[in-house]
All heavy atoms as atom14 arrays in JSON, in Angstrom:
{
  "sequence": "LRKNTPGVVALALMVGTFYAVRLPEPSAAEIHDVAEDFAFDSM",
  "atom14_mask": [
    [1, 1, 1, 1, 1, 1, 1, 1, 0, 0, 0, 0, 0, 0],
    [1, 1, 1, 1, 1, 1, 1, 1, 1, 1, 1, 0, 0, 0],
    [1, 1, 1, 1, 1, 1, 1, 1, 1, 0, 0, 0, 0, 0],
    [1, 1, 1, 1, 1, 1, 1, 1, 0, 0, 0, 0, 0, 0],
    [1, 1, 1, 1, 1, 1, 1, 0, 0, 0, 0, 0, 0, 0],
    [1, 1, 1, 1, 1, 1, 1, 0, 0, 0, 0, 0, 0, 0],
    [1, 1, 1, 1, 0, 0, 0, 0, 0, 0, 0, 0, 0, 0],
    [1, 1, 1, 1, 1, 1, 1, 0, 0, 0, 0, 0, 0, 0],
    [1, 1, 1, 1, 1, 1, 1, 0, 0, 0, 0, 0, 0, 0],
    [1, 1, 1, 1, 1, 0, 0, 0, 0, 0, 0, 0, 0, 0],
    [1, 1, 1, 1, 1, 1, 1, 1, 0, 0, 0, 0, 0, 0],
    [1, 1, 1, 1, 1, 0, 0, 0, 0, 0, 0, 0, 0, 0],
    [1, 1, 1, 1, 1, 1, 1, 1, 0, 0, 0, 0, 0, 0],
    [1, 1, 1, 1, 1, 1, 1, 1, 0, 0, 0, 0, 0, 0],
    [1, 1, 1, 1, 1, 1, 1, 0, 0, 0, 0, 0, 0, 0],
    [1, 1, 1, 1, 0, 0, 0, 0, 0, 0, 0, 0, 0, 0],
    [1, 1, 1, 1, 1, 1, 1, 0, 0, 0, 0, 0, 0, 0],
    [1, 1, 1, 1, 1, 1, 1, 1, 1, 1, 1, 0, 0, 0],
    [1, 1, 1, 1, 1, 1, 1, 1, 1, 1, 1, 1, 0, 0],
    [1, 1, 1, 1, 1, 0, 0, 0, 0, 0, 0, 0, 0, 0],
    [1, 1, 1, 1, 1, 1, 1, 0, 0, 0, 0, 0, 0, 0],
    [1, 1, 1, 1, 1, 1, 1, 1, 1, 1, 1, 0, 0, 0],
    [1, 1, 1, 1, 1, 1, 1, 1, 0, 0, 0, 0, 0, 0],
    [1, 1, 1, 1, 1, 1, 1, 0, 0, 0, 0, 0, 0, 0],
    [1, 1, 1, 1, 1, 1, 1, 1, 1, 0, 0, 0, 0, 0],
    [1, 1, 1, 1, 1, 1, 1, 0, 0, 0, 0, 0, 0, 0],
    [1, 1, 1, 1, 1, 1, 0, 0, 0, 0, 0, 0, 0, 0],
    [1, 1, 1, 1, 1, 0, 0, 0, 0, 0, 0, 0, 0, 0],
    [1, 1, 1, 1, 1, 0, 0, 0, 0, 0, 0, 0, 0, 0],
    [1, 1, 1, 1, 1, 1, 1, 1, 1, 0, 0, 0, 0, 0],
    [1, 1, 1, 1, 1, 1, 1, 1, 0, 0, 0, 0, 0, 0],
    [1, 1, 1, 1, 1, 1, 1, 1, 1, 1, 0, 0, 0, 0],
    [1, 1, 1, 1, 1, 1, 1, 1, 0, 0, 0, 0, 0, 0],
    [1, 1, 1, 1, 1, 1, 1, 0, 0, 0, 0, 0, 0, 0],
    [1, 1, 1, 1, 1, 0, 0, 0, 0, 0, 0, 0, 0, 0],
    [1, 1, 1, 1, 1, 1, 1, 1, 1, 0, 0, 0, 0, 0],
    [1, 1, 1, 1, 1, 1, 1, 1, 0, 0, 0, 0, 0, 0],
    [1, 1, 1, 1, 1, 1, 1, 1, 1, 1, 1, 0, 0, 0],
    [1, 1, 1, 1, 1, 0, 0, 0, 0, 0, 0, 0, 0, 0],
    [1, 1, 1, 1, 1, 1, 1, 1, 1, 1, 1, 0, 0, 0],
    [1, 1, 1, 1, 1, 1, 1, 1, 0, 0, 0, 0, 0, 0],
    [1, 1, 1, 1, 1, 1, 0, 0, 0, 0, 0, 0, 0, 0],
    [1, 1, 1, 1, 1, 1, 1, 1, 0, 0, 0, 0, 0, 0]
  ],
  "atom14_positions": [
    [[0.82, -1.2, 0.0], [0.0, 0.0, 0.0], [0.86, 1.26, 0.0], [0.58, 2.23, -0.72], [-0.94, -0.01, 1.22], [-1.95, 1.16, 1.3], [-2.85, 1.15, 0.07], [-2.78, 1.05, 2.57], [0.0, 0.0, 0.0], [0.0, 0.0, 0.0], [0.0, 0.0, 0.0], [0.0, 0.0, 0.0], [0.0, 0.0, 0.0], [0.0, 0.0, 0.0]],
    [[1.95, 1.23, 0.81], [2.82, 2.41, 0.85], [3.47, 2.66, -0.51], [3.58, 3.78, -0.97], [3.9, 2.22, 1.92], [3.39, 2.42, 3.35], [4.56, 2.68, 4.31], [5.55, 1.62, 4.28], [5.52, 0.54, 5.07], [4.51, 0.38, 5.93], [6.46, -0.37, 5.01], [0.0, 0.0, 0.0], [0.0, 0.0, 0.0], [0.0, 0.0, 0.0]],
    [[3.91, 1.56, -1.15], [4.57, 1.7, -2.45], [3.61, 2.2, -3.53], [4.0, 2.91, -4.45], [5.17, 0.36, -2.88], [6.43, -0.02, -2.1], [6.99, -1.33, -2.64], [8.29, -1.7, -1.95], [8.84, -2.97, -2.48], [0.0, 0.0, 0.0], [0.0, 0.0, 0.0], [0.0, 0.0, 0.0], [0.0, 0.0, 0.0], [0.0, 0.0, 0.0]],
    [[2.37, 1.79, -3.4], [1.42, 2.08, -4.48], [0.42, 3.17, -4.13], [-0.54, 3.39, -4.87], [0.66, 0.8, -4.85], [1.56, -0.24, -5.5], [1.84, -0.17, -6.69], [2.01, -1.21, -4.69], [0.0, 0.0, 0.0], [0.0, 0.0, 0.0], [0.0, 0.0, 0.0], [0.0, 0.0, 0.0], [0.0, 0.0, 0.0], [0.0, 0.0, 0.0]],
    [[0.64, 3.85, -3.02], [-0.29, 4.9, -2.62], [-0.5, 5.96, -3.71], [-1.65, 6.35, -3.99], [0.17, 5.56, -1.31], [0.11, 4.6, -0.27], [-0.71, 6.76, -0.97], [0.0, 0.0, 0.0], [0.0, 0.0, 0.0], [0.0, 0.0, 0.0], [0.0, 0.0, 0.0], [0.0, 0.0, 0.0], [0.0, 0.0, 0.0], [0.0, 0.0, 0.0]],
    [[0.57, 6.46, -4.36], [0.35, 7.46, -5.41], [-0.59, 6.96, -6.52], [-1.47, 7.69, -6.97], [1.75, 7.74, -5.95], [2.66, 7.41, -4.81], [2.02, 6.24, -4.13], [0.0, 0.0, 0.0], [0.0, 0.0, 0.0], [0.0, 0.0, 0.0], [0.0, 0.0, 0.0], [0.0, 0.0, 0.0], [0.0, 0.0, 0.0], [0.0, 0.0, 0.0]],
    [[-0.38, 5.7, -6.92], [-1.24, 5.15, -7.96], [-2.67, 4.98, -7.51], [-3.62, 5.25, -8.25], [0.0, 0.0, 0.0], [0.0, 0.0, 0.0], [0.0, 0.0, 0.0], [0.0, 0.0, 0.0], [0.0, 0.0, 0.0], [0.0, 0.0, 0.0], [0.0, 0.0, 0.0], [0.0, 0.0, 0.0], [0.0, 0.0, 0.0], [0.0, 0.0, 0.0]],
    [[-2.85, 4.52, -6.28], [-4.2, 4.33, -5.73], [-4.92, 5.68, -5.66], [-6.1, 5.8, -6.02], [-4.14, 3.65, -4.35], [-5.52, 3.62, -3.71], [-3.59, 2.25, -4.48], [0.0, 0.0, 0.0], [0.0, 0.0, 0.0], [0.0, 0.0, 0.0], [0.0, 0.0, 0.0], [0.0, 0.0, 0.0], [0.0, 0.0, 0.0], [0.0, 0.0, 0.0]],
    [[-4.19, 6.69, -5.16], [-4.79, 8.01, -5.04], [-5.16, 8.55, -6.43], [-6.25, 9.11, -6.63], [-3.83, 8.98, -4.33], [-4.36, 10.42, -4.39], [-3.65, 8.56, -2.88], [0.0, 0.0, 0.0], [0.0, 0.0, 0.0], [0.0, 0.0, 0.0], [0.0, 0.0, 0.0], [0.0, 0.0, 0.0], [0.0, 0.0, 0.0], [0.0, 0.0, 0.0]],
    [[-4.26, 8.37, -7.39], [-4.53, 8.86, -8.75], [-5.76, 8.18, -9.34], [-6.61, 8.82, -9.96], [-3.32, 8.63, -9.65], [0.0, 0.0, 0.0], [0.0, 0.0, 0.0], [0.0, 0.0, 0.0], [0.0, 0.0, 0.0], [0.0, 0.0, 0.0], [0.0, 0.0, 0.0], [0.0, 0.0, 0.0], [0.0, 0.0, 0.0], [0.0, 0.0, 0.0]],
    [[-5.86, 6.84, -9.11], [-7.01, 6.11, -9.62], [-8.29, 6.59, -8.97], [-9.33, 6.77, -9.64], [-6.82, 4.61, -9.39], [-7.96, 3.7, -9.86], [-8.15, 3.85, -11.37], [-7.66, 2.24, -9.5], [0.0, 0.0, 0.0], [0.0, 0.0, 0.0], [0.0, 0.0, 0.0], [0.0, 0.0, 0.0], [0.0, 0.0, 0.0], [0.0, 0.0, 0.0]],
    [[-8.23, 6.81, -7.65], [-9.41, 7.29, -6.94], [-9.83, 8.67, -7.45], [-11.03, 8.94, -7.61], [-9.12, 7.34, -5.44], [0.0, 0.0, 0.0], [0.0, 0.0, 0.0], [0.0, 0.0, 0.0], [0.0, 0.0, 0.0], [0.0, 0.0, 0.0], [0.0, 0.0, 0.0], [0.0, 0.0, 0.0], [0.0, 0.0, 0.0], [0.0, 0.0, 0.0]],
    [[-8.85, 9.53, -7.7], [-9.16, 10.86, -8.22], [-9.79, 10.78, -9.61], [-10.73, 11.5, -9.92], [-7.89, 11.71, -8.27], [-7.37, 12.24, -6.93], [-6.01, 12.9, -7.12], [-8.36, 13.22, -6.32], [0.0, 0.0, 0.0], [0.0, 0.0, 0.0], [0.0, 0.0, 0.0], [0.0, 0.0, 0.0], [0.0, 0.0, 0.0], [0.0, 0.0, 0.0]],
    [[-9.25, 9.87, -10.44], [-9.81, 9.73, -11.79], [-11.26, 9.25, -11.73], [-12.13, 9.8, -12.41], [-8.96, 8.74, -12.6], [-7.58, 9.25, -12.98], [-6.56, 7.96, -13.74], [-7.55, 7.56, -15.17], [0.0, 0.0, 0.0], [0.0, 0.0, 0.0], [0.0, 0.0, 0.0], [0.0, 0.0, 0.0], [0.0, 0.0, 0.0], [0.0, 0.0, 0.0]],
    [[-11.51, 8.25, -10.9], [-12.88, 7.72, -10.79], [-13.8, 8.79, -10.22], [-14.93, 9.0, -10.7], [-12.89, 6.45, -9.91], [-14.33, 6.01, -9.66], [-12.1, 5.34, -10.59], [0.0, 0.0, 0.0], [0.0, 0.0, 0.0], [0.0, 0.0, 0.0], [0.0, 0.0, 0.0], [0.0, 0.0, 0.0], [0.0, 0.0, 0.0], [0.0, 0.0, 0.0]],
    [[-13.31, 9.49, -9.15], [-14.13, 10.52, -8.55], [-14.43, 11.65, -9.51], [-15.56, 12.16, -9.56], [0.0, 0.0, 0.0], [0.0, 0.0, 0.0], [0.0, 0.0, 0.0], [0.0, 0.0, 0.0], [0.0, 0.0, 0.0], [0.0, 0.0, 0.0], [0.0, 0.0, 0.0], [0.0, 0.0, 0.0], [0.0, 0.0, 0.0], [0.0, 0.0, 0.0]],
    [[-13.42, 12.05, -10.3], [-13.61, 13.12, -11.28], [-14.6, 12.71, -12.35], [-15.47, 13.49, -12.76], [-12.27, 13.51, -11.94], [-11.37, 13.92, -10.92], [-12.45, 14.63, -12.94], [0.0, 0.0, 0.0], [0.0, 0.0, 0.0], [0.0, 0.0, 0.0], [0.0, 0.0, 0.0], [0.0, 0.0, 0.0], [0.0, 0.0, 0.0], [0.0, 0.0, 0.0]],
    [[-14.5, 11.44, -12.79], [-15.44, 10.95, -13.81], [-16.88, 11.09, -13.35], [-17.74, 11.62, -14.06], [-15.13, 9.48, -14.13], [-16.18, 8.82, -15.0], [-16.23, 9.06, -16.36], [-17.12, 7.96, -14.44], [-17.2, 8.47, -17.15], [-18.09, 7.36, -15.23], [-18.11, 7.61, -16.58], [0.0, 0.0, 0.0], [0.0, 0.0, 0.0], [0.0, 0.0, 0.0]],
    [[-17.16, 10.65, -12.13], [-18.53, 10.71, -11.63], [-18.95, 12.15, -11.31], [-20.14, 12.48, -11.35], [-18.69, 9.84, -10.39], [-18.81, 8.37, -10.75], [-17.71, 7.52, -10.62], [-19.99, 7.85, -11.26], [-17.8, 6.18, -10.97], [-20.09, 6.52, -11.61], [-19.0, 5.69, -11.47], [-19.1, 4.37, -11.82], [0.0, 0.0, 0.0], [0.0, 0.0, 0.0]],
    [[-17.98, 13.01, -11.03], [-18.31, 14.39, -10.67], [-18.68, 15.22, -11.9], [-19.54, 16.09, -11.83], [-17.15, 15.04, -9.93], [0.0, 0.0, 0.0], [0.0, 0.0, 0.0], [0.0, 0.0, 0.0], [0.0, 0.0, 0.0], [0.0, 0.0, 0.0], [0.0, 0.0, 0.0], [0.0, 0.0, 0.0], [0.0, 0.0, 0.0], [0.0, 0.0, 0.0]],
    [[-17.98, 14.96, -13.03], [-18.17, 15.83, -14.19], [-19.07, 15.23, -15.27], [-19.46, 15.94, -16.19], [-16.8, 16.18, -14.84], [-15.89, 16.82, -13.84], [-16.13, 14.94, -15.45], [0.0, 0.0, 0.0], [0.0, 0.0, 0.0], [0.0, 0.0, 0.0], [0.0, 0.0, 0.0], [0.0, 0.0, 0.0], [0.0, 0.0, 0.0], [0.0, 0.0, 0.0]],
    [[-19.38, 13.96, -15.19], [-20.2, 13.37, -16.25], [-21.6, 14.0, -16.24], [-22.13, 14.4, -15.19], [-20.3, 11.86, -16.09], [-21.09, 11.4, -14.88], [-21.28, 9.9, -14.89], [-22.03, 9.44, -13.75], [-22.57, 8.23, -13.66], [-22.41, 7.37, -14.63], [-23.24, 7.88, -12.6], [0.0, 0.0, 0.0], [0.0, 0.0, 0.0], [0.0, 0.0, 0.0]],
    [[-22.17, 14.09, -17.43], [-23.49, 14.68, -17.54], [-24.54, 13.76, -16.93], [-24.44, 12.54, -17.02], [-23.82, 14.93, -19.01], [-22.94, 15.95, -19.72], [-23.31, 16.02, -21.19], [-23.08, 17.32, -19.08], [0.0, 0.0, 0.0], [0.0, 0.0, 0.0], [0.0, 0.0, 0.0], [0.0, 0.0, 0.0], [0.0, 0.0, 0.0], [0.0, 0.0, 0.0]],
    [[-25.57, 14.33, -16.3], [-26.62, 13.49, -15.73], [-27.38, 12.75, -16.83], [-27.64, 13.29, -17.9], [-27.53, 14.5, -15.01], [-27.25, 15.82, -15.68], [-25.81, 15.77, -16.08], [0.0, 0.0, 0.0], [0.0, 0.0, 0.0], [0.0, 0.0, 0.0], [0.0, 0.0, 0.0], [0.0, 0.0, 0.0], [0.0, 0.0, 0.0], [0.0, 0.0, 0.0]],
    [[-27.68, 11.5, -16.57], [-28.42, 10.68, -17.52], [-29.91, 10.91, -17.34], [-30.42, 10.87, -16.23], [-28.08, 9.2, -17.31], [-26.66, 8.81, -17.65], [-26.41, 8.83, -19.15], [-27.37, 8.66, -19.92], [-25.25, 9.04, -19.55], [0.0, 0.0, 0.0], [0.0, 0.0, 0.0], [0.0, 0.0, 0.0], [0.0, 0.0, 0.0], [0.0, 0.0, 0.0]],
    [[-30.65, 11.15, -18.44], [-32.1, 11.33, -18.29], [-32.76, 10.01, -17.9], [-32.3, 8.93, -18.27], [-32.53, 11.77, -19.69], [-31.48, 11.23, -20.61], [-30.2, 11.28, -19.84], [0.0, 0.0, 0.0], [0.0, 0.0, 0.0], [0.0, 0.0, 0.0], [0.0, 0.0, 0.0], [0.0, 0.0, 0.0], [0.0, 0.0, 0.0], [0.0, 0.0, 0.0]],
    [[-33.83, 10.11, -17.18], [-34.56, 8.91, -16.76], [-35.42, 8.41, -17.91], [-35.71, 9.13, -18.87], [-35.44, 9.23, -15.55], [-36.48, 10.12, -15.92], [0.0, 0.0, 0.0], [0.0, 0.0, 0.0], [0.0, 0.0, 0.0], [0.0, 0.0, 0.0], [0.0, 0.0, 0.0], [0.0, 0.0, 0.0], [0.0, 0.0, 0.0], [0.0, 0.0, 0.0]],
    [[-35.84, 7.16, -17.79], [-36.73, 6.59, -18.79], [-38.03, 7.37, -18.88], [-38.61, 7.54, -19.96], [-36.99, 5.12, -18.47], [0.0, 0.0, 0.0], [0.0, 0.0, 0.0], [0.0, 0.0, 0.0], [0.0, 0.0, 0.0], [0.0, 0.0, 0.0], [0.0, 0.0, 0.0], [0.0, 0.0, 0.0], [0.0, 0.0, 0.0], [0.0, 0.0, 0.0]],
    [[-38.49, 7.87, -17.73], [-39.73, 8.64, -17.71], [-39.58, 9.95, -18.47], [-40.49, 10.36, -19.21], [-40.15, 8.91, -16.26], [0.0, 0.0, 0.0], [0.0, 0.0, 0.0], [0.0, 0.0, 0.0], [0.0, 0.0, 0.0], [0.0, 0.0, 0.0], [0.0, 0.0, 0.0], [0.0, 0.0, 0.0], [0.0, 0.0, 0.0], [0.0, 0.0, 0.0]],
    [[-38.41, 10.62, -18.3], [-38.16, 11.86, -19.02], [-38.18, 11.62, -20.53], [-38.79, 12.38, -21.3], [-36.83, 12.46, -18.61], [-36.79, 13.08, -17.23], [-35.41, 13.63, -16.92], [-34.5, 12.83, -16.63], [-35.24, 14.86, -16.97], [0.0, 0.0, 0.0], [0.0, 0.0, 0.0], [0.0, 0.0, 0.0], [0.0, 0.0, 0.0], [0.0, 0.0, 0.0]],
    [[-37.48, 10.57, -20.96], [-37.42, 10.25, -22.39], [-38.81, 9.93, -22.91], [-39.22, 10.39, -23.99], [-36.44, 9.09, -22.64], [-35.01, 9.56, -22.36], [-36.57, 8.57, -24.06], [-33.97, 8.49, -22.5], [0.0, 0.0, 0.0], [0.0, 0.0, 0.0], [0.0, 0.0, 0.0], [0.0, 0.0, 0.0], [0.0, 0.0, 0.0], [0.0, 0.0, 0.0]],
    [[-39.58, 9.17, -22.15], [-40.93, 8.8, -22.57], [-41.8, 10.04, -22.73], [-42.56, 10.17, -23.7], [-41.55, 7.83, -21.56], [-42.98, 7.48, -21.89], [-44.05, 8.2, -21.39], [-43.5, 6.5, -22.67], [-45.17, 7.68, -21.85], [-44.87, 6.64, -22.62], [0.0, 0.0, 0.0], [0.0, 0.0, 0.0], [0.0, 0.0, 0.0], [0.0, 0.0, 0.0]],
    [[-41.7, 10.97, -21.79], [-42.55, 12.15, -21.83], [-42.28, 13.0, -23.07], [-43.2, 13.57, -23.66], [-42.33, 13.01, -20.57], [-42.92, 12.37, -19.32], [-43.72, 11.43, -19.47], [-42.58, 12.81, -18.22], [0.0, 0.0, 0.0], [0.0, 0.0, 0.0], [0.0, 0.0, 0.0], [0.0, 0.0, 0.0], [0.0, 0.0, 0.0], [0.0, 0.0, 0.0]],
    [[-41.0, 13.1, -23.46], [-40.67, 13.9, -24.64], [-40.96, 13.11, -25.91], [-41.46, 13.66, -26.9], [-39.19, 14.33, -24.61], [-38.83, 15.13, -25.85], [-38.91, 15.17, -23.36], [0.0, 0.0, 0.0], [0.0, 0.0, 0.0], [0.0, 0.0, 0.0], [0.0, 0.0, 0.0], [0.0, 0.0, 0.0], [0.0, 0.0, 0.0], [0.0, 0.0, 0.0]],
    [[-40.68, 11.81, -25.89], [-40.83, 10.97, -27.09], [-42.29, 10.79, -27.52], [-42.55, 10.51, -28.69], [-40.18, 9.61, -26.87], [0.0, 0.0, 0.0], [0.0, 0.0, 0.0], [0.0, 0.0, 0.0], [0.0, 0.0, 0.0], [0.0, 0.0, 0.0], [0.0, 0.0, 0.0], [0.0, 0.0, 0.0], [0.0, 0.0, 0.0], [0.0, 0.0, 0.0]],
    [[-43.23, 10.93, -26.59], [-44.63, 10.67, -26.94], [-45.18, 11.69, -27.95], [-46.25, 11.47, -28.52], [-45.5, 10.64, -25.69], [-45.61, 11.95, -24.95], [-46.47, 11.82, -23.69], [-46.95, 10.69, -23.45], [-46.67, 12.83, -22.99], [0.0, 0.0, 0.0], [0.0, 0.0, 0.0], [0.0, 0.0, 0.0], [0.0, 0.0, 0.0], [0.0, 0.0, 0.0]],
    [[-44.46, 12.77, -28.17], [-44.9, 13.74, -29.18], [-44.47, 13.37, -30.59], [-44.84, 14.05, -31.55], [-44.34, 15.13, -28.85], [-44.93, 15.73, -27.58], [-46.07, 15.37, -27.24], [-44.25, 16.54, -26.94], [0.0, 0.0, 0.0], [0.0, 0.0, 0.0], [0.0, 0.0, 0.0], [0.0, 0.0, 0.0], [0.0, 0.0, 0.0], [0.0, 0.0, 0.0]],
    [[-43.67, 12.31, -30.73], [-43.13, 11.93, -32.03], [-43.45, 10.46, -32.33], [-43.56, 9.64, -31.42], [-41.6, 12.09, -32.05], [-41.12, 13.46, -31.67], [-40.82, 13.77, -30.34], [-40.97, 14.45, -32.63], [-40.37, 15.02, -29.98], [-40.53, 15.71, -32.28], [-40.22, 16.0, -30.96], [0.0, 0.0, 0.0], [0.0, 0.0, 0.0], [0.0, 0.0, 0.0]],
    [[-43.55, 10.17, -33.62], [-43.71, 8.77, -34.04], [-43.32, 8.66, -35.52], [-43.63, 9.57, -36.31], [-45.13, 8.27, -33.84], [0.0, 0.0, 0.0], [0.0, 0.0, 0.0], [0.0, 0.0, 0.0], [0.0, 0.0, 0.0], [0.0, 0.0, 0.0], [0.0, 0.0, 0.0], [0.0, 0.0, 0.0], [0.0, 0.0, 0.0], [0.0, 0.0, 0.0]],
    [[-42.64, 7.57, -35.89], [-42.22, 7.33, -37.26], [-42.51, 5.89, -37.66], [-42.36, 4.98, -36.85], [-40.71, 7.59, -37.43], [-40.31, 9.02, -37.23], [-39.91, 9.47, -35.98], [-40.32, 9.92, -38.29], [-39.53, 10.79, -35.78], [-39.94, 11.24, -38.11], [-39.55, 11.67, -36.85], [0.0, 0.0, 0.0], [0.0, 0.0, 0.0], [0.0, 0.0, 0.0]],
    [[-42.95, 5.71, -38.9], [-43.05, 4.38, -39.5], [-41.78, 4.13, -40.3], [-41.46, 4.89, -41.22], [-44.26, 4.28, -40.42], [-45.56, 4.06, -39.67], [-45.5, 3.7, -38.49], [-46.62, 4.28, -40.28], [0.0, 0.0, 0.0], [0.0, 0.0, 0.0], [0.0, 0.0, 0.0], [0.0, 0.0, 0.0], [0.0, 0.0, 0.0], [0.0, 0.0, 0.0]],
    [[-41.03, 3.07, -39.96], [-39.82, 2.72, -40.68], [-40.19, 1.95, -41.94], [-40.91, 0.94, -41.87], [-38.9, 1.88, -39.78], [-37.76, 1.46, -40.49], [0.0, 0.0, 0.0], [0.0, 0.0, 0.0], [0.0, 0.0, 0.0], [0.0, 0.0, 0.0], [0.0, 0.0, 0.0], [0.0, 0.0, 0.0], [0.0, 0.0, 0.0], [0.0, 0.0, 0.0]],
    [[-39.69, 2.38, -43.09], [-40.08, 1.79, -44.36], [-38.86, 1.54, -45.24], [-37.89, 2.32, -45.23], [-41.07, 2.72, -45.08], [-42.24, 3.18, -44.21], [-43.33, 4.36, -45.01], [-44.28, 3.27, -46.06], [0.0, 0.0, 0.0], [0.0, 0.0, 0.0], [0.0, 0.0, 0.0], [0.0, 0.0, 0.0], [0.0, 0.0, 0.0], [0.0, 0.0, 0.0]]
  ]
}
């Protein structure tokens, strides 16, 4: 652990940064509410 602390910390920072800055994912309900105004027949 002592030898690899810098790497562990860097990995933790990367993972933490990823979850901190990633855009929020819309819920299925949000998508459904917007999608109900549209419809297409694939041909």
